[in-house]
Amino acid sequence: MAIVFNSKSKEYWQLSNFYGGVESCYMKDRFLNPEIVALFNTFETCNKEEFIYYLQELQPEKKDWTQAKLNYWFKSVNGGLIPARGILSKLAGASAKDTPTGRRRLKILKRLANFDGDLQIKPALSYEQKKEHMIQCLKTKYQKKKYRDILLSTGDDILHEKPMRGSGDDWTYPGGDLLGQLLTEVRENIRTSNKFIHQ
């Protein structure tokens, strides 16, 4: 069988990189300035009000934010709302791309970090480097019992992360499906080794 999921899925939504710090881990590595790295860390610990503030600020072109558009980025669980915090790191990390939107977002990033210096951005990674970096971020997430148990509950099912909008890319299904492959690899590592520390 196959499990197709994303951050909005009814089940297995916590496998998404928008939860558990994966997006922050992956994106903050693009920046060398400690102030910017600290901001990415803040994204992962922010409360609901802070999340909404950052979400709105990270849009170079101001949106008409209706309550429905804000609610889209929250998952309702047991009467509470859990923000998909990874979207903040995804938006901020995209600022490293030399595009008009990226350059505008870099200015926003500096303002949010209260940083006036020159940003130091690492050169773009090769495909293999991206893959290796992502698997390290996934391993960090699945060291945590909560997420590890969810991943193991998928048994031997094939895993596909399908984007919420649009078609797949190198990472998602039905494109290269790399995230699904890496999750399968991490799942197998958990089963066959003792290198994951129980928390």
Protein backbone atom coordinates (compact mmCIF):
# COMPACT_ATOMS: atom_id res chain seq x y z
CA MET A 1 0.00 0.00 0.00
CA ALA A 2 0.96 3.64 -0.30
CA ILE A 3 0.46 6.56 2.07
CA VAL A 4 0.12 9.95 0.40
CA PHE A 5 0.38 12.86 2.82
CA ASN A 6 1.07 16.55 3.30
CA SER A 7 0.67 19.07 6.11
CA LYS A 8 -3.11 19.19 5.56
CA SER A 9 -3.74 15.44 5.54
CA LYS A 10 -6.29 13.91 7.86
CA GLU A 11 -3.72 11.32 8.89
CA TYR A 12 0.08 11.33 8.86
CA TRP A 13 0.21 15.13 8.56
CA GLN A 14 3.03 15.17 11.12
CA LEU A 15 5.27 13.41 8.61
CA SER A 16 5.32 16.71 6.71
CA ASN A 17 8.49 18.79 6.97
CA PHE A 18 6.32 21.66 8.17
CA TYR A 19 6.30 19.91 11.56
CA GLY A 20 9.17 18.80 13.75
CA GLY A 21 11.77 21.38 12.72
CA VAL A 22 12.91 19.85 9.42
CA GLU A 23 12.25 22.93 7.30
CA SER A 24 14.08 25.15 9.79
CA CYS A 25 17.02 22.74 9.98
CA TYR A 26 17.28 22.60 6.20
CA MET A 27 16.79 26.27 5.38
CA LYS A 28 18.80 27.97 8.12
CA ASP A 29 21.92 26.17 6.91
CA ARG A 30 21.92 28.51 3.91
CA PHE A 31 22.87 31.44 6.13
CA LEU A 32 26.10 32.08 8.02
CA ASN A 33 24.96 35.04 10.13
CA PRO A 34 24.11 33.95 13.70
CA GLU A 35 21.32 36.53 13.90
CA ILE A 36 19.54 34.99 10.92
CA VAL A 37 20.04 31.44 12.21
CA ALA A 38 18.55 32.53 15.54
CA LEU A 39 15.49 33.84 13.72
CA PHE A 40 14.93 30.46 12.10
CA ASN A 41 15.13 28.88 15.56
CA THR A 42 12.51 31.37 16.77
CA PHE A 43 10.19 30.28 13.98
CA GLU A 44 10.09 26.80 15.55
CA THR A 45 9.14 28.00 19.02
CA CYS A 46 6.80 30.91 18.26
CA ASN A 47 3.27 30.98 19.66
CA LYS A 48 0.10 31.41 17.60
CA GLU A 49 0.18 35.22 17.58
CA GLU A 50 3.88 35.34 16.71
CA PHE A 51 3.34 32.78 13.96
CA ILE A 52 0.65 34.93 12.35
CA TYR A 53 2.88 38.01 12.61
CA TYR A 54 5.83 36.29 10.91
CA LEU A 55 3.58 34.69 8.28
CA GLN A 56 2.18 38.05 7.27
CA GLU A 57 5.51 39.86 7.41
CA LEU A 58 7.29 37.32 5.21
CA GLN A 59 5.05 38.17 2.26
CA PRO A 60 6.83 40.83 0.14
CA GLU A 61 3.52 41.70 -1.48
CA LYS A 62 0.95 42.24 1.25
CA LYS A 63 -2.01 39.88 1.06
CA ASP A 64 -5.59 40.47 2.02
CA TRP A 65 -5.42 38.20 5.06
CA THR A 66 -8.86 36.84 5.78
CA GLN A 67 -9.42 34.60 8.78
CA ALA A 68 -9.88 31.67 6.40
CA LYS A 69 -6.45 32.31 4.84
CA LEU A 70 -4.84 32.42 8.29
CA ASN A 71 -6.67 29.29 9.44
CA TYR A 72 -5.27 27.44 6.44
CA TRP A 73 -1.87 27.36 8.16
CA PHE A 74 -3.19 25.78 11.36
CA LYS A 75 -4.06 22.15 12.04
CA SER A 76 -7.02 21.60 14.35
CA VAL A 77 -6.18 18.86 16.85
CA ASN A 78 -8.25 17.99 19.93
CA GLY A 79 -9.80 21.44 20.05
CA GLY A 80 -6.47 23.23 19.68
CA LEU A 81 -4.70 24.81 16.74
CA ILE A 82 -1.17 23.80 15.76
CA PRO A 83 0.66 26.16 13.37
CA ALA A 84 2.50 24.67 10.41
CA ARG A 85 5.65 26.46 11.57
CA GLY A 86 7.76 25.09 8.75
CA ILE A 87 6.11 27.44 6.28
CA LEU A 88 7.95 30.33 7.95
CA SER A 89 11.34 28.73 7.33
CA LYS A 90 10.33 27.79 3.77
CA LEU A 91 9.40 31.40 3.00
CA ALA A 92 12.50 32.79 4.70
CA GLY A 93 14.82 30.23 3.15
CA ALA A 94 13.56 31.05 -0.34
CA SER A 95 15.02 34.53 0.14
CA ALA A 96 18.45 33.03 -0.61
CA LYS A 97 17.41 32.75 -4.27
CA ASP A 98 18.52 35.70 -6.38
CA THR A 99 15.08 36.68 -7.65
CA PRO A 100 13.06 39.91 -7.24
CA THR A 101 10.89 38.26 -4.58
CA GLY A 102 13.95 36.76 -2.91
CA ARG A 103 15.70 40.13 -2.70
CA ARG A 104 12.62 41.76 -1.19
CA ARG A 105 12.27 38.95 1.30
CA LEU A 106 15.95 39.27 2.30
CA LYS A 107 15.25 42.82 3.43
CA ILE A 108 12.29 41.56 5.47
CA LEU A 109 14.45 38.82 6.98
CA LYS A 110 17.07 41.34 8.09
CA ARG A 111 14.41 43.54 9.64
CA LEU A 112 12.82 40.64 11.53
CA ALA A 113 16.24 39.60 12.82
CA ASN A 114 17.10 43.20 13.74
CA PHE A 115 20.27 42.80 11.68
CA ASP A 116 21.93 45.65 9.78
CA GLY A 117 25.05 43.93 8.47
CA ASP A 118 25.82 42.13 5.23
CA LEU A 119 24.13 38.79 4.81
CA GLN A 120 26.42 35.84 4.19
CA ILE A 121 24.70 33.17 2.12
CA LYS A 122 26.29 29.84 1.25
CA PRO A 123 26.61 28.79 -2.40
CA ALA A 124 23.79 26.59 -3.69
CA LEU A 125 24.19 22.91 -2.85
CA SER A 126 24.47 20.16 -5.43
CA TYR A 127 21.66 17.60 -5.66
CA GLU A 128 23.64 15.07 -3.64
CA GLN A 129 24.51 17.69 -1.00
CA LYS A 130 20.84 18.66 -0.69
CA LYS A 131 19.91 15.01 -0.27
CA GLU A 132 22.53 14.44 2.43
CA HIS A 133 21.59 17.59 4.30
CA MET A 134 17.89 16.72 4.21
CA ILE A 135 18.42 13.22 5.57
CA GLN A 136 20.39 14.63 8.50
CA CYS A 137 17.50 16.99 9.28
CA LEU A 138 15.02 14.11 9.02
CA LYS A 139 17.11 11.99 11.37
CA THR A 140 17.07 14.80 13.93
CA LYS A 141 13.27 15.01 13.75
CA TYR A 142 12.74 11.29 14.08
CA GLN A 143 14.96 10.98 17.11
CA LYS A 144 11.94 12.40 18.94
CA LYS A 145 9.65 9.63 20.12
CA LYS A 146 6.45 11.39 19.08
CA TYR A 147 7.49 11.58 15.44
CA ARG A 148 9.37 8.29 15.44
CA ASP A 149 6.26 6.42 16.57
CA ILE A 150 4.19 8.01 13.80
CA LEU A 151 6.77 7.06 11.18
CA LEU A 152 7.01 3.47 12.44
CA SER A 153 3.22 3.19 12.42
CA THR A 154 3.36 3.38 8.61
CA GLY A 155 4.71 -0.18 8.56
CA ASP A 156 6.08 -1.12 5.17
CA ASP A 157 3.81 1.19 3.20
CA ILE A 158 5.33 3.31 0.46
CA LEU A 159 5.45 6.98 1.49
CA HIS A 160 4.67 9.86 -0.85
CA GLU A 161 4.56 13.53 0.11
CA LYS A 162 2.27 15.29 -2.36
CA PRO A 163 2.32 19.10 -2.50
CA MET A 164 -0.81 20.91 -1.34
CA ARG A 165 -0.84 22.83 -4.60
CA GLY A 166 0.63 22.23 -8.03
CA SER A 167 2.50 19.22 -9.35
CA GLY A 168 5.42 17.41 -7.77
CA ASP A 169 9.05 18.47 -8.00
CA ASP A 170 12.35 16.74 -7.19
CA TRP A 171 11.25 16.42 -3.57
CA THR A 172 7.60 15.50 -3.87
CA TYR A 173 5.22 13.11 -5.59
CA PRO A 174 4.59 12.59 -8.48
CA GLY A 175 7.94 14.22 -9.27
CA GLY A 176 11.24 12.85 -8.02
CA ASP A 177 9.55 11.80 -4.74
CA LEU A 178 12.83 12.21 -2.85
CA LEU A 179 11.20 13.05 0.49
CA GLY A 180 9.20 9.83 0.45
CA GLN A 181 12.34 7.84 -0.37
CA LEU A 182 14.34 9.50 2.40
CA LEU A 183 11.58 8.90 4.96
CA THR A 184 11.58 5.24 3.99
CA GLU A 185 15.34 5.17 4.50
CA VAL A 186 15.06 6.81 7.91
CA ARG A 187 12.30 4.38 8.90
CA GLU A 188 14.52 1.44 8.01
CA ASN A 189 17.46 2.94 9.91
CA ILE A 190 15.31 3.26 13.02
CA ARG A 191 14.35 -0.37 12.81
CA THR A 192 17.82 -1.77 12.24
CA SER A 193 20.09 0.37 14.37
CA ASN A 194 20.46 1.70 17.88
CA LYS A 195 21.86 5.09 16.91
CA PHE A 196 18.61 6.96 17.54
CA ILE A 197 18.44 8.25 21.09
CA HIS A 198 15.09 7.77 22.82
CA GLN A 199 13.65 10.98 24.20
